Amino acid sequence: MGAPLTYFTAPPAWADAFELGGFRLLDVGELSTPLAAADTSGLAEAELEQVRYGRPSTVGELMFNWWD
């Protein structure tokens, strides 16, 4: 297992092409949002249990890091 991601960079200019497929890349500000400030009401109980176990501090950590 690799080290957790702790920083993010802005999407490259070509990432706008994903919007044609209906996707939107999150920017650095969104990924750096403290998890306490994020709306987690859409998560299932099992997902919330994983959040309590892994204790991610930001939205980006929640989305991109896995815990043993």
C-alpha atoms as a PDB file:
ATOM      1  CA  MET A   1       0.000   0.000   0.000  1.00  0.00           C
ATOM      2  CA  GLY A   2       1.273   3.483  -0.846  1.00  0.00           C
ATOM      3  CA  ALA A   3       1.381   6.561   1.315  1.00  0.00           C
ATOM      4  CA  PRO A   4      -1.859   8.517   1.732  1.00  0.00           C
ATOM      5  CA  LEU A   5      -2.433  11.470  -0.563  1.00  0.00           C
ATOM      6  CA  THR A   6      -2.100  14.671   1.414  1.00  0.00           C
ATOM      7  CA  TYR A   7      -2.061  17.293  -1.326  1.00  0.00           C
ATOM      8  CA  PHE A   8      -3.744  17.840  -4.659  1.00  0.00           C
ATOM      9  CA  THR A   9      -3.048  19.958  -7.733  1.00  0.00           C
ATOM     10  CA  ALA A  10      -5.362  21.791 -10.083  1.00  0.00           C
ATOM     11  CA  PRO A  11      -6.745  19.740 -12.973  1.00  0.00           C
ATOM     12  CA  PRO A  12      -4.886  20.263 -16.260  1.00  0.00           C
ATOM     13  CA  ALA A  13      -6.516  22.318 -19.022  1.00  0.00           C
ATOM     14  CA  TRP A  14      -7.398  19.190 -21.003  1.00  0.00           C
ATOM     15  CA  ALA A  15      -9.529  17.924 -18.088  1.00  0.00           C
ATOM     16  CA  ASP A  16     -12.385  20.092 -19.410  1.00  0.00           C
ATOM     17  CA  ALA A  17     -12.957  17.291 -21.932  1.00  0.00           C
ATOM     18  CA  PHE A  18     -14.439  15.190 -19.121  1.00  0.00           C
ATOM     19  CA  GLU A  19     -17.353  17.618 -18.947  1.00  0.00           C
ATOM     20  CA  LEU A  20     -18.446  16.410 -22.386  1.00  0.00           C
ATOM     21  CA  GLY A  21     -19.041  13.019 -20.768  1.00  0.00           C
ATOM     22  CA  GLY A  22     -20.960  14.527 -17.874  1.00  0.00           C
ATOM     23  CA  PHE A  23     -18.101  14.496 -15.363  1.00  0.00           C
ATOM     24  CA  ARG A  24     -16.688  17.346 -13.331  1.00  0.00           C
ATOM     25  CA  LEU A  25     -13.293  17.200 -11.706  1.00  0.00           C
ATOM     26  CA  LEU A  26     -13.055  18.541  -8.189  1.00  0.00           C
ATOM     27  CA  ASP A  27     -10.698  21.442  -7.705  1.00  0.00           C
ATOM     28  CA  VAL A  28      -8.068  21.771  -4.997  1.00  0.00           C
ATOM     29  CA  GLY A  29     -10.397  23.820  -2.787  1.00  0.00           C
ATOM     30  CA  GLU A  30     -13.119  21.181  -2.875  1.00  0.00           C
ATOM     31  CA  LEU A  31     -10.690  18.343  -2.172  1.00  0.00           C
ATOM     32  CA  SER A  32      -9.139  20.330   0.689  1.00  0.00           C
ATOM     33  CA  THR A  33     -12.495  21.015   2.349  1.00  0.00           C
ATOM     34  CA  PRO A  34     -12.468  19.787   5.944  1.00  0.00           C
ATOM     35  CA  LEU A  35     -14.606  16.689   6.202  1.00  0.00           C
ATOM     36  CA  ALA A  36     -16.406  18.223   9.181  1.00  0.00           C
ATOM     37  CA  ALA A  37     -17.721  20.924   6.806  1.00  0.00           C
ATOM     38  CA  ALA A  38     -18.872  18.454   4.139  1.00  0.00           C
ATOM     39  CA  ASP A  39     -22.378  17.023   3.823  1.00  0.00           C
ATOM     40  CA  THR A  40     -21.966  13.297   4.483  1.00  0.00           C
ATOM     41  CA  SER A  41     -25.701  12.619   4.840  1.00  0.00           C
ATOM     42  CA  GLY A  42     -25.728  10.637   1.581  1.00  0.00           C
ATOM     43  CA  LEU A  43     -23.278   8.053   2.893  1.00  0.00           C
ATOM     44  CA  ALA A  44     -24.544   4.646   3.942  1.00  0.00           C
ATOM     45  CA  GLU A  45     -23.995   3.455   7.518  1.00  0.00           C
ATOM     46  CA  ALA A  46     -21.212   1.103   6.381  1.00  0.00           C
ATOM     47  CA  GLU A  47     -19.468   4.025   4.690  1.00  0.00           C
ATOM     48  CA  LEU A  48     -19.839   6.180   7.784  1.00  0.00           C
ATOM     49  CA  GLU A  49     -18.315   3.364   9.820  1.00  0.00           C
ATOM     50  CA  GLN A  50     -15.306   3.400   7.496  1.00  0.00           C
ATOM     51  CA  VAL A  51     -15.048   7.183   7.942  1.00  0.00           C
ATOM     52  CA  ARG A  52     -15.019   6.736  11.712  1.00  0.00           C
ATOM     53  CA  TYR A  53     -12.350   4.051  11.376  1.00  0.00           C
ATOM     54  CA  GLY A  54     -10.076   5.875   8.920  1.00  0.00           C
ATOM     55  CA  ARG A  55     -10.671   9.382  10.307  1.00  0.00           C
ATOM     56  CA  PRO A  56      -9.957  11.320   7.083  1.00  0.00           C
ATOM     57  CA  SER A  57      -9.673  15.038   7.712  1.00  0.00           C
ATOM     58  CA  THR A  58     -10.580  16.329   4.241  1.00  0.00           C
ATOM     59  CA  VAL A  59     -12.896  15.402   1.385  1.00  0.00           C
ATOM     60  CA  GLY A  60      -9.864  14.441  -0.722  1.00  0.00           C
ATOM     61  CA  GLU A  61      -8.582  12.061   1.936  1.00  0.00           C
ATOM     62  CA  LEU A  62     -11.999  10.452   2.145  1.00  0.00           C
ATOM     63  CA  MET A  63     -12.227   9.978  -1.608  1.00  0.00           C
ATOM     64  CA  PHE A  64      -8.703   8.829  -2.435  1.00  0.00           C
ATOM     65  CA  ASN A  65      -7.179   7.111   0.595  1.00  0.00           C
ATOM     66  CA  TRP A  66      -7.869   3.588   1.770  1.00  0.00           C
ATOM     67  CA  TRP A  67      -7.342   2.316   5.287  1.00  0.00           C
ATOM     68  CA  ASP A  68      -6.460  -1.178   6.456  1.00  0.00           C
END
